[in-house]
Amino acid sequence: MPVRRIEFPYRAVGRRAPERLRIDHLPAVQVPSLVISGTADPFGTEPELTEHLGRIDAPVTLVFVAGARHHTGHEGQLARVIADWTTGRPVPARLPLD
């Protein structure tokens, strides 16, 4: 399964307008997608992601890591979720920080 993005800030970063959401491309996504985000990620809130990922006309699995920011630092836990998702095993909708 090809990987297109390993990280994508939902909001513009740096001097660019942080209030501008980066969602215009979402309707063009045509493949199953796994999105993992921290519940404390400043670049996209849980309600924003839940709302806007609905624009994707393909299966989307959304996993939130409780208390994590944009860079979670929990590679082992995330690797298990990614491995499970890519092999068709169920993944939890929410992960605790290890």
PDB file of N, CA and C in Angstrom:
ATOM      1  N   MET A   1       0.844  -1.160   0.000  1.00  0.00           N
ATOM      2  CA  MET A   1       0.000   0.000   0.000  1.00  0.00           C
ATOM      3  C   MET A   1       0.900   1.237   0.000  1.00  0.00           C
ATOM      4  N   PRO A   2       0.764   2.106  -1.002  1.00  0.00           N
ATOM      5  CA  PRO A   2       1.609   3.293  -1.041  1.00  0.00           C
ATOM      6  C   PRO A   2       1.205   4.312   0.028  1.00  0.00           C
ATOM      7  N   VAL A   3       2.184   5.027   0.515  1.00  0.00           N
ATOM      8  CA  VAL A   3       1.947   6.076   1.500  1.00  0.00           C
ATOM      9  C   VAL A   3       2.164   7.417   0.823  1.00  0.00           C
ATOM     10  N   ARG A   4       1.175   8.281   0.870  1.00  0.00           N
ATOM     11  CA  ARG A   4       1.293   9.599   0.251  1.00  0.00           C
ATOM     12  C   ARG A   4       1.804  10.646   1.235  1.00  0.00           C
ATOM     13  N   ARG A   5       1.340  10.594   2.453  1.00  0.00           N
ATOM     14  CA  ARG A   5       1.728  11.583   3.456  1.00  0.00           C
ATOM     15  C   ARG A   5       1.969  10.875   4.770  1.00  0.00           C
ATOM     16  N   ILE A   6       3.043  11.215   5.412  1.00  0.00           N
ATOM     17  CA  ILE A   6       3.269  10.672   6.739  1.00  0.00           C
ATOM     18  C   ILE A   6       2.911  11.721   7.790  1.00  0.00           C
ATOM     19  N   GLU A   7       2.888  12.985   7.361  1.00  0.00           N
ATOM     20  CA  GLU A   7       2.520  14.061   8.270  1.00  0.00           C
ATOM     21  C   GLU A   7       1.925  15.187   7.441  1.00  0.00           C
ATOM     22  N   PHE A   8       0.867  15.773   7.940  1.00  0.00           N
ATOM     23  CA  PHE A   8       0.246  16.877   7.209  1.00  0.00           C
ATOM     24  C   PHE A   8      -0.403  17.827   8.196  1.00  0.00           C
ATOM     25  N   PRO A   9       0.163  19.032   8.373  1.00  0.00           N
ATOM     26  CA  PRO A   9      -0.485  19.978   9.275  1.00  0.00           C
ATOM     27  C   PRO A   9      -1.782  20.496   8.668  1.00  0.00           C
ATOM     28  N   TYR A  10      -2.842  20.352   9.400  1.00  0.00           N
ATOM     29  CA  TYR A  10      -4.186  20.747   8.982  1.00  0.00           C
ATOM     30  C   TYR A  10      -4.308  22.262   8.847  1.00  0.00           C
ATOM     31  N   ARG A  11      -3.554  22.969   9.662  1.00  0.00           N
ATOM     32  CA  ARG A  11      -3.517  24.432   9.603  1.00  0.00           C
ATOM     33  C   ARG A  11      -2.180  24.855   9.020  1.00  0.00           C
ATOM     34  N   ALA A  12      -2.170  26.014   8.362  1.00  0.00           N
ATOM     35  CA  ALA A  12      -0.919  26.563   7.857  1.00  0.00           C
ATOM     36  C   ALA A  12       0.020  26.809   9.036  1.00  0.00           C
ATOM     37  N   VAL A  13       1.313  26.589   8.803  1.00  0.00           N
ATOM     38  CA  VAL A  13       2.308  26.697   9.860  1.00  0.00           C
ATOM     39  C   VAL A  13       3.162  27.939   9.628  1.00  0.00           C
ATOM     40  N   GLY A  14       3.619  28.546  10.695  1.00  0.00           N
ATOM     41  CA  GLY A  14       4.532  29.678  10.586  1.00  0.00           C
ATOM     42  C   GLY A  14       3.804  30.977  10.328  1.00  0.00           C
ATOM     43  N   ARG A  15       4.372  31.784   9.446  1.00  0.00           N
ATOM     44  CA  ARG A  15       3.817  33.111   9.188  1.00  0.00           C
ATOM     45  C   ARG A  15       2.542  33.072   8.367  1.00  0.00           C
ATOM     46  N   ARG A  16       2.359  32.003   7.626  1.00  0.00           N
ATOM     47  CA  ARG A  16       1.124  31.916   6.842  1.00  0.00           C
ATOM     48  C   ARG A  16      -0.073  31.963   7.775  1.00  0.00           C
ATOM     49  N   ALA A  17      -1.181  32.360   7.258  1.00  0.00           N
ATOM     50  CA  ALA A  17      -2.377  32.541   8.084  1.00  0.00           C
ATOM     51  C   ALA A  17      -2.769  31.248   8.790  1.00  0.00           C
ATOM     52  N   PRO A  18      -2.551  31.158  10.112  1.00  0.00           N
ATOM     53  CA  PRO A  18      -2.875  29.916  10.824  1.00  0.00           C
ATOM     54  C   PRO A  18      -4.361  29.621  10.872  1.00  0.00           C
ATOM     55  N   GLU A  19      -5.187  30.637  10.639  1.00  0.00           N
ATOM     56  CA  GLU A  19      -6.630  30.391  10.654  1.00  0.00           C
ATOM     57  C   GLU A  19      -7.106  29.742   9.361  1.00  0.00           C
ATOM     58  N   ARG A  20      -6.261  29.741   8.337  1.00  0.00           N
ATOM     59  CA  ARG A  20      -6.640  29.157   7.051  1.00  0.00           C
ATOM     60  C   ARG A  20      -6.472  27.638   7.115  1.00  0.00           C
ATOM     61  N   LEU A  21      -7.556  26.929   6.930  1.00  0.00           N
ATOM     62  CA  LEU A  21      -7.510  25.468   6.951  1.00  0.00           C
ATOM     63  C   LEU A  21      -7.017  24.945   5.613  1.00  0.00           C
ATOM     64  N   ARG A  22      -6.269  23.866   5.653  1.00  0.00           N
ATOM     65  CA  ARG A  22      -5.734  23.254   4.442  1.00  0.00           C
ATOM     66  C   ARG A  22      -6.591  22.033   4.106  1.00  0.00           C
ATOM     67  N   ILE A  23      -7.769  22.277   3.537  1.00  0.00           N
ATOM     68  CA  ILE A  23      -8.714  21.186   3.306  1.00  0.00           C
ATOM     69  C   ILE A  23      -9.205  21.103   1.868  1.00  0.00           C
ATOM     70  N   ASP A  24      -8.768  22.016   1.010  1.00  0.00           N
ATOM     71  CA  ASP A  24      -9.299  22.058  -0.354  1.00  0.00           C
ATOM     72  C   ASP A  24      -9.072  20.763  -1.128  1.00  0.00           C
ATOM     73  N   HIS A  25      -8.031  20.033  -0.797  1.00  0.00           N
ATOM     74  CA  HIS A  25      -7.691  18.807  -1.520  1.00  0.00           C
ATOM     75  C   HIS A  25      -8.507  17.591  -1.066  1.00  0.00           C
ATOM     76  N   LEU A  26      -9.194  17.687   0.052  1.00  0.00           N
ATOM     77  CA  LEU A  26      -9.843  16.504   0.629  1.00  0.00           C
ATOM     78  C   LEU A  26     -10.834  15.809  -0.302  1.00  0.00           C
ATOM     79  N   PRO A  27     -11.688  16.519  -1.049  1.00  0.00           N
ATOM     80  CA  PRO A  27     -12.609  15.803  -1.934  1.00  0.00           C
ATOM     81  C   PRO A  27     -11.902  14.989  -3.026  1.00  0.00           C
ATOM     82  N   ALA A  28     -10.645  15.300  -3.308  1.00  0.00           N
ATOM     83  CA  ALA A  28      -9.901  14.566  -4.336  1.00  0.00           C
ATOM     84  C   ALA A  28      -9.309  13.258  -3.819  1.00  0.00           C
ATOM     85  N   VAL A  29      -9.311  13.038  -2.516  1.00  0.00           N
ATOM     86  CA  VAL A  29      -8.760  11.804  -1.947  1.00  0.00           C
ATOM     87  C   VAL A  29      -9.681  10.655  -2.326  1.00  0.00           C
ATOM     88  N   GLN A  30      -9.125   9.661  -2.999  1.00  0.00           N
ATOM     89  CA  GLN A  30      -9.916   8.545  -3.527  1.00  0.00           C
ATOM     90  C   GLN A  30      -9.520   7.192  -2.937  1.00  0.00           C
ATOM     91  N   VAL A  31      -8.680   7.193  -1.922  1.00  0.00           N
ATOM     92  CA  VAL A  31      -8.181   5.936  -1.361  1.00  0.00           C
ATOM     93  C   VAL A  31      -8.484   5.877   0.136  1.00  0.00           C
ATOM     94  N   PRO A  32      -8.558   4.677   0.705  1.00  0.00           N
ATOM     95  CA  PRO A  32      -8.727   4.572   2.152  1.00  0.00           C
ATOM     96  C   PRO A  32      -7.604   5.321   2.866  1.00  0.00           C
ATOM     97  N   SER A  33      -7.953   6.001   3.936  1.00  0.00           N
ATOM     98  CA  SER A  33      -6.978   6.838   4.639  1.00  0.00           C
ATOM     99  C   SER A  33      -7.021   6.582   6.137  1.00  0.00           C
ATOM    100  N   LEU A  34      -5.834   6.563   6.730  1.00  0.00           N
ATOM    101  CA  LEU A  34      -5.687   6.490   8.178  1.00  0.00           C
ATOM    102  C   LEU A  34      -5.167   7.845   8.635  1.00  0.00           C
ATOM    103  N   VAL A  35      -5.892   8.484   9.535  1.00  0.00           N
ATOM    104  CA  VAL A  35      -5.489   9.779  10.073  1.00  0.00           C
ATOM    105  C   VAL A  35      -5.317   9.612  11.577  1.00  0.00           C
ATOM    106  N   ILE A  36      -4.114   9.939  12.066  1.00  0.00           N
ATOM    107  CA  ILE A  36      -3.818   9.855  13.494  1.00  0.00           C
ATOM    108  C   ILE A  36      -3.491  11.265  13.962  1.00  0.00           C
ATOM    109  N   SER A  37      -4.146  11.691  15.026  1.00  0.00           N
ATOM    110  CA  SER A  37      -3.935  13.048  15.528  1.00  0.00           C
ATOM    111  C   SER A  37      -3.973  13.050  17.042  1.00  0.00           C
ATOM    112  N   GLY A  38      -3.200  13.946  17.633  1.00  0.00           N
ATOM    113  CA  GLY A  38      -3.251  14.136  19.076  1.00  0.00           C
ATOM    114  C   GLY A  38      -4.424  15.024  19.452  1.00  0.00           C
ATOM    115  N   THR A  39      -5.047  14.745  20.575  1.00  0.00           N
ATOM    116  CA  THR A  39      -6.179  15.571  20.999  1.00  0.00           C
ATOM    117  C   THR A  39      -5.738  16.975  21.400  1.00  0.00           C
ATOM    118  N   ALA A  40      -4.444  17.193  21.626  1.00  0.00           N
ATOM    119  CA  ALA A  40      -3.917  18.521  21.960  1.00  0.00           C
ATOM    120  C   ALA A  40      -3.116  19.106  20.799  1.00  0.00           C
ATOM    121  N   ASP A  41      -3.339  18.623  19.586  1.00  0.00           N
ATOM    122  CA  ASP A  41      -2.619  19.105  18.402  1.00  0.00           C
ATOM    123  C   ASP A  41      -3.106  20.508  18.051  1.00  0.00           C
ATOM    124  N   PRO A  42      -2.215  21.511  18.068  1.00  0.00           N
ATOM    125  CA  PRO A  42      -2.648  22.875  17.770  1.00  0.00           C
ATOM    126  C   PRO A  42      -2.954  23.111  16.292  1.00  0.00           C
ATOM    127  N   PHE A  43      -2.592  22.176  15.426  1.00  0.00           N
ATOM    128  CA  PHE A  43      -2.792  22.364  13.988  1.00  0.00           C
ATOM    129  C   PHE A  43      -4.117  21.806  13.482  1.00  0.00           C
ATOM    130  N   GLY A  44      -4.896  21.207  14.338  1.00  0.00           N
ATOM    131  CA  GLY A  44      -6.203  20.686  13.947  1.00  0.00           C
ATOM    132  C   GLY A  44      -6.885  20.073  15.152  1.00  0.00           C
ATOM    133  N   THR A  45      -8.026  20.616  15.513  1.00  0.00           N
ATOM    134  CA  THR A  45      -8.720  20.108  16.692  1.00  0.00           C
ATOM    135  C   THR A  45      -9.537  18.867  16.335  1.00  0.00           C
ATOM    136  N   GLU A  46      -9.905  18.138  17.352  1.00  0.00           N
ATOM    137  CA  GLU A  46     -10.712  16.932  17.143  1.00  0.00           C
ATOM    138  C   GLU A  46     -12.023  17.246  16.424  1.00  0.00           C
ATOM    139  N   PRO A  47     -12.779  18.268  16.837  1.00  0.00           N
ATOM    140  CA  PRO A  47     -14.018  18.576  16.107  1.00  0.00           C
ATOM    141  C   PRO A  47     -13.769  18.999  14.657  1.00  0.00           C
ATOM    142  N   GLU A  48     -12.695  19.766  14.410  1.00  0.00           N
ATOM    143  CA  GLU A  48     -12.393  20.187  13.037  1.00  0.00           C
ATOM    144  C   GLU A  48     -12.080  18.989  12.154  1.00  0.00           C
ATOM    145  N   LEU A  49     -11.210  18.110  12.647  1.00  0.00           N
ATOM    146  CA  LEU A  49     -10.854  16.935  11.847  1.00  0.00           C
ATOM    147  C   LEU A  49     -12.071  16.066  11.584  1.00  0.00           C
ATOM    148  N   THR A  50     -12.851  15.817  12.612  1.00  0.00           N
ATOM    149  CA  THR A  50     -14.038  14.983  12.450  1.00  0.00           C
ATOM    150  C   THR A  50     -14.972  15.569  11.401  1.00  0.00           C
ATOM    151  N   GLU A  51     -15.175  16.867  11.441  1.00  0.00           N
ATOM    152  CA  GLU A  51     -16.059  17.520  10.474  1.00  0.00           C
ATOM    153  C   GLU A  51     -15.489  17.490   9.057  1.00  0.00           C
ATOM    154  N   HIS A  52     -14.262  17.941   8.889  1.00  0.00           N
ATOM    155  CA  HIS A  52     -13.730  18.145   7.542  1.00  0.00           C
ATOM    156  C   HIS A  52     -13.276  16.862   6.850  1.00  0.00           C
ATOM    157  N   LEU A  53     -12.888  15.852   7.612  1.00  0.00           N
ATOM    158  CA  LEU A  53     -12.507  14.593   6.962  1.00  0.00           C
ATOM    159  C   LEU A  53     -13.713  13.909   6.341  1.00  0.00           C
ATOM    160  N   GLY A  54     -14.906  14.330   6.709  1.00  0.00           N
ATOM    161  CA  GLY A  54     -16.116  13.825   6.072  1.00  0.00           C
ATOM    162  C   GLY A  54     -16.223  14.221   4.607  1.00  0.00           C
ATOM    163  N   ARG A  55     -15.372  15.130   4.152  1.00  0.00           N
ATOM    164  CA  ARG A  55     -15.351  15.534   2.740  1.00  0.00           C
ATOM    165  C   ARG A  55     -14.664  14.490   1.859  1.00  0.00           C
ATOM    166  N   ILE A  56     -13.997  13.534   2.471  1.00  0.00           N
ATOM    167  CA  ILE A  56     -13.313  12.484   1.712  1.00  0.00           C
ATOM    168  C   ILE A  56     -14.336  11.424   1.333  1.00  0.00           C
ATOM    169  N   ASP A  57     -14.406  11.120   0.039  1.00  0.00           N
ATOM    170  CA  ASP A  57     -15.362  10.125  -0.449  1.00  0.00           C
ATOM    171  C   ASP A  57     -14.695   8.756  -0.556  1.00  0.00           C
ATOM    172  N   ALA A  58     -14.053   8.355   0.504  1.00  0.00           N
ATOM    173  CA  ALA A  58     -13.394   7.053   0.609  1.00  0.00           C
ATOM    174  C   ALA A  58     -13.370   6.730   2.104  1.00  0.00           C
ATOM    175  N   PRO A  59     -13.137   5.469   2.463  1.00  0.00           N
ATOM    176  CA  PRO A  59     -13.102   5.131   3.886  1.00  0.00           C
ATOM    177  C   PRO A  59     -11.994   5.891   4.625  1.00  0.00           C
ATOM    178  N   VAL A  60     -12.339   6.473   5.759  1.00  0.00           N
ATOM    179  CA  VAL A  60     -11.382   7.191   6.598  1.00  0.00           C
ATOM    180  C   VAL A  60     -11.436   6.591   7.996  1.00  0.00           C
ATOM    181  N   THR A  61     -10.279   6.209   8.509  1.00  0.00           N
ATOM    182  CA  THR A  61     -10.160   5.755   9.890  1.00  0.00           C
ATOM    183  C   THR A  61      -9.449   6.857  10.649  1.00  0.00           C
ATOM    184  N   LEU A  62     -10.098   7.384  11.657  1.00  0.00           N
ATOM    185  CA  LEU A  62      -9.564   8.493  12.433  1.00  0.00           C
ATOM    186  C   LEU A  62      -9.250   8.001  13.837  1.00  0.00           C
ATOM    187  N   VAL A  63      -7.992   8.161  14.251  1.00  0.00           N
ATOM    188  CA  VAL A  63      -7.535   7.714  15.564  1.00  0.00           C
ATOM    189  C   VAL A  63      -6.979   8.925  16.313  1.00  0.00           C
ATOM    190  N   PHE A  64      -7.446   9.144  17.520  1.00  0.00           N
ATOM    191  CA  PHE A  64      -6.944  10.235  18.350  1.00  0.00           C
ATOM    192  C   PHE A  64      -6.085   9.673  19.472  1.00  0.00           C
ATOM    193  N   VAL A  65      -4.929  10.313  19.708  1.00  0.00           N
ATOM    194  CA  VAL A  65      -4.052   9.952  20.813  1.00  0.00           C
ATOM    195  C   VAL A  65      -4.318  10.963  21.928  1.00  0.00           C
ATOM    196  N   ALA A  66      -4.886  10.481  23.025  1.00  0.00           N
ATOM    197  CA  ALA A  66      -5.310  11.350  24.127  1.00  0.00           C
ATOM    198  C   ALA A  66      -4.132  12.142  24.687  1.00  0.00           C
ATOM    199  N   GLY A  67      -4.276  13.466  24.706  1.00  0.00           N
ATOM    200  CA  GLY A  67      -3.273  14.341  25.298  1.00  0.00           C
ATOM    201  C   GLY A  67      -2.057  14.635  24.441  1.00  0.00           C
ATOM    202  N   ALA A  68      -1.941  14.010  23.282  1.00  0.00           N
ATOM    203  CA  ALA A  68      -0.753  14.206  22.439  1.00  0.00           C
ATOM    204  C   ALA A  68      -0.870  15.489  21.625  1.00  0.00           C
ATOM    205  N   ARG A  69       0.288  16.087  21.347  1.00  0.00           N
ATOM    206  CA  ARG A  69       0.338  17.261  20.485  1.00  0.00           C
ATOM    207  C   ARG A  69       0.619  16.794  19.056  1.00  0.00           C
ATOM    208  N   HIS A  70       1.135  17.670  18.205  1.00  0.00           N
ATOM    209  CA  HIS A  70       1.344  17.329  16.797  1.00  0.00           C
ATOM    210  C   HIS A  70       2.367  16.203  16.628  1.00  0.00           C
ATOM    211  N   HIS A  71       3.455  16.253  17.367  1.00  0.00           N
ATOM    212  CA  HIS A  71       4.464  15.191  17.335  1.00  0.00           C
ATOM    213  C   HIS A  71       4.310  14.397  18.622  1.00  0.00           C
ATOM    214  N   THR A  72       3.730  13.216  18.510  1.00  0.00           N
ATOM    215  CA  THR A  72       3.382  12.470  19.720  1.00  0.00           C
ATOM    216  C   THR A  72       4.584  11.859  20.413  1.00  0.00           C
ATOM    217  N   GLY A  73       5.591  11.406  19.649  1.00  0.00           N
ATOM    218  CA  GLY A  73       6.732  10.759  20.263  1.00  0.00           C
ATOM    219  C   GLY A  73       6.442   9.345  20.728  1.00  0.00           C
ATOM    220  N   HIS A  74       5.367   8.749  20.289  1.00  0.00           N
ATOM    221  CA  HIS A  74       4.970   7.397  20.706  1.00  0.00           C
ATOM    222  C   HIS A  74       5.010   6.466  19.501  1.00  0.00           C
ATOM    223  N   GLU A  75       6.202   6.362  18.916  1.00  0.00           N
ATOM    224  CA  GLU A  75       6.344   5.646  17.660  1.00  0.00           C
ATOM    225  C   GLU A  75       5.926   4.185  17.733  1.00  0.00           C
ATOM    226  N   GLY A  76       6.233   3.505  18.837  1.00  0.00           N
ATOM    227  CA  GLY A  76       5.865   2.094  18.959  1.00  0.00           C
ATOM    228  C   GLY A  76       4.364   1.892  18.928  1.00  0.00           C
ATOM    229  N   GLN A  77       3.672   2.706  19.665  1.00  0.00           N
ATOM    230  CA  GLN A  77       2.210   2.632  19.724  1.00  0.00           C
ATOM    231  C   GLN A  77       1.607   2.963  18.355  1.00  0.00           C
ATOM    232  N   LEU A  78       2.133   3.996  17.706  1.00  0.00           N
ATOM    233  CA  LEU A  78       1.623   4.379  16.391  1.00  0.00           C
ATOM    234  C   LEU A  78       1.951   3.324  15.345  1.00  0.00           C
ATOM    235  N   ALA A  79       3.130   2.723  15.442  1.00  0.00           N
ATOM    236  CA  ALA A  79       3.510   1.675  14.489  1.00  0.00           C
ATOM    237  C   ALA A  79       2.541   0.500  14.565  1.00  0.00           C
ATOM    238  N   ARG A  80       2.105   0.149  15.774  1.00  0.00           N
ATOM    239  CA  ARG A  80       1.134  -0.946  15.918  1.00  0.00           C
ATOM    240  C   ARG A  80      -0.191  -0.592  15.250  1.00  0.00           C
ATOM    241  N   VAL A  81      -0.650   0.637  15.448  1.00  0.00           N
ATOM    242  CA  VAL A  81      -1.910   1.068  14.825  1.00  0.00           C
ATOM    243  C   VAL A  81      -1.781   1.027  13.306  1.00  0.00           C
ATOM    244  N   ILE A  82      -0.679   1.542  12.786  1.00  0.00           N
ATOM    245  CA  ILE A  82      -0.469   1.562  11.335  1.00  0.00           C
ATOM    246  C   ILE A  82      -0.391   0.143  10.790  1.00  0.00           C
ATOM    247  N   ALA A  83       0.347  -0.736  11.479  1.00  0.00           N
ATOM    248  CA  ALA A  83       0.456  -2.129  11.028  1.00  0.00           C
ATOM    249  C   ALA A  83      -0.909  -2.809  11.048  1.00  0.00           C
ATOM    250  N   ASP A  84      -1.671  -2.594  12.095  1.00  0.00           N
ATOM    251  CA  ASP A  84      -3.005  -3.198  12.168  1.00  0.00           C
ATOM    252  C   ASP A  84      -3.897  -2.679  11.043  1.00  0.00           C
ATOM    253  N   TRP A  85      -3.886  -1.383  10.822  1.00  0.00           N
ATOM    254  CA  TRP A  85      -4.746  -0.787   9.789  1.00  0.00           C
ATOM    255  C   TRP A  85      -4.368  -1.291   8.395  1.00  0.00           C
ATOM    256  N   THR A  86      -3.073  -1.349   8.104  1.00  0.00           N
ATOM    257  CA  THR A  86      -2.656  -1.768   6.758  1.00  0.00           C
ATOM    258  C   THR A  86      -2.924  -3.242   6.501  1.00  0.00           C
ATOM    259  N   THR A  87      -3.084  -4.033   7.553  1.00  0.00           N
ATOM    260  CA  THR A  87      -3.378  -5.455   7.366  1.00  0.00           C
ATOM    261  C   THR A  87      -4.854  -5.776   7.593  1.00  0.00           C
ATOM    262  N   GLY A  88      -5.675  -4.734   7.756  1.00  0.00           N
ATOM    263  CA  GLY A  88      -7.112  -4.941   7.862  1.00  0.00           C
ATOM    264  C   GLY A  88      -7.631  -5.275   9.239  1.00  0.00           C
ATOM    265  N   ARG A  89      -6.752  -5.230  10.242  1.00  0.00           N
ATOM    266  CA  ARG A  89      -7.216  -5.481  11.611  1.00  0.00           C
ATOM    267  C   ARG A  89      -7.859  -4.213  12.164  1.00  0.00           C
ATOM    268  N   PRO A  90      -8.793  -4.349  13.093  1.00  0.00           N
ATOM    269  CA  PRO A  90      -9.445  -3.158  13.656  1.00  0.00           C
ATOM    270  C   PRO A  90      -8.459  -2.321  14.472  1.00  0.00           C
ATOM    271  N   VAL A  91      -8.673  -1.027  14.455  1.00  0.00           N
ATOM    272  CA  VAL A  91      -7.854  -0.115  15.259  1.00  0.00           C
ATOM    273  C   VAL A  91      -8.782   0.686  16.171  1.00  0.00           C
ATOM    274  N   PRO A  92      -8.289   1.065  17.347  1.00  0.00           N
ATOM    275  CA  PRO A  92      -9.132   1.837  18.265  1.00  0.00           C
ATOM    276  C   PRO A  92      -9.306   3.270  17.772  1.00  0.00           C
ATOM    277  N   ALA A  93     -10.407   3.881  18.123  1.00  0.00           N
ATOM    278  CA  ALA A  93     -10.650   5.277  17.757  1.00  0.00           C
ATOM    279  C   ALA A  93      -9.876   6.230  18.662  1.00  0.00           C
ATOM    280  N   ARG A  94      -9.433   5.739  19.808  1.00  0.00           N
ATOM    281  CA  ARG A  94      -8.716   6.586  20.762  1.00  0.00           C
ATOM    282  C   ARG A  94      -7.629   5.759  21.431  1.00  0.00           C
ATOM    283  N   LEU A  95      -6.446   6.358  21.549  1.00  0.00           N
ATOM    284  CA  LEU A  95      -5.322   5.707  22.215  1.00  0.00           C
ATOM    285  C   LEU A  95      -4.910   6.522  23.434  1.00  0.00           C
ATOM    286  N   PRO A  96      -4.589   5.855  24.537  1.00  0.00           N
ATOM    287  CA  PRO A  96      -3.996   6.595  25.657  1.00  0.00           C
ATOM    288  C   PRO A  96      -2.512   6.814  25.366  1.00  0.00           C
ATOM    289  N   LEU A  97      -1.907   7.827  25.960  1.00  0.00           N
ATOM    290  CA  LEU A  97      -0.450   7.963  25.856  1.00  0.00           C
ATOM    291  C   LEU A  97       0.174   6.817  26.625  1.00  0.00           C
ATOM    292  N   ASP A  98       1.251   6.167  26.054  1.00  0.00           N
ATOM    293  CA  ASP A  98       1.881   5.115  26.857  1.00  0.00           C
ATOM    294  C   ASP A  98       2.824   5.709  27.853  1.00  0.00           C
TER     295      ASP A  98
END
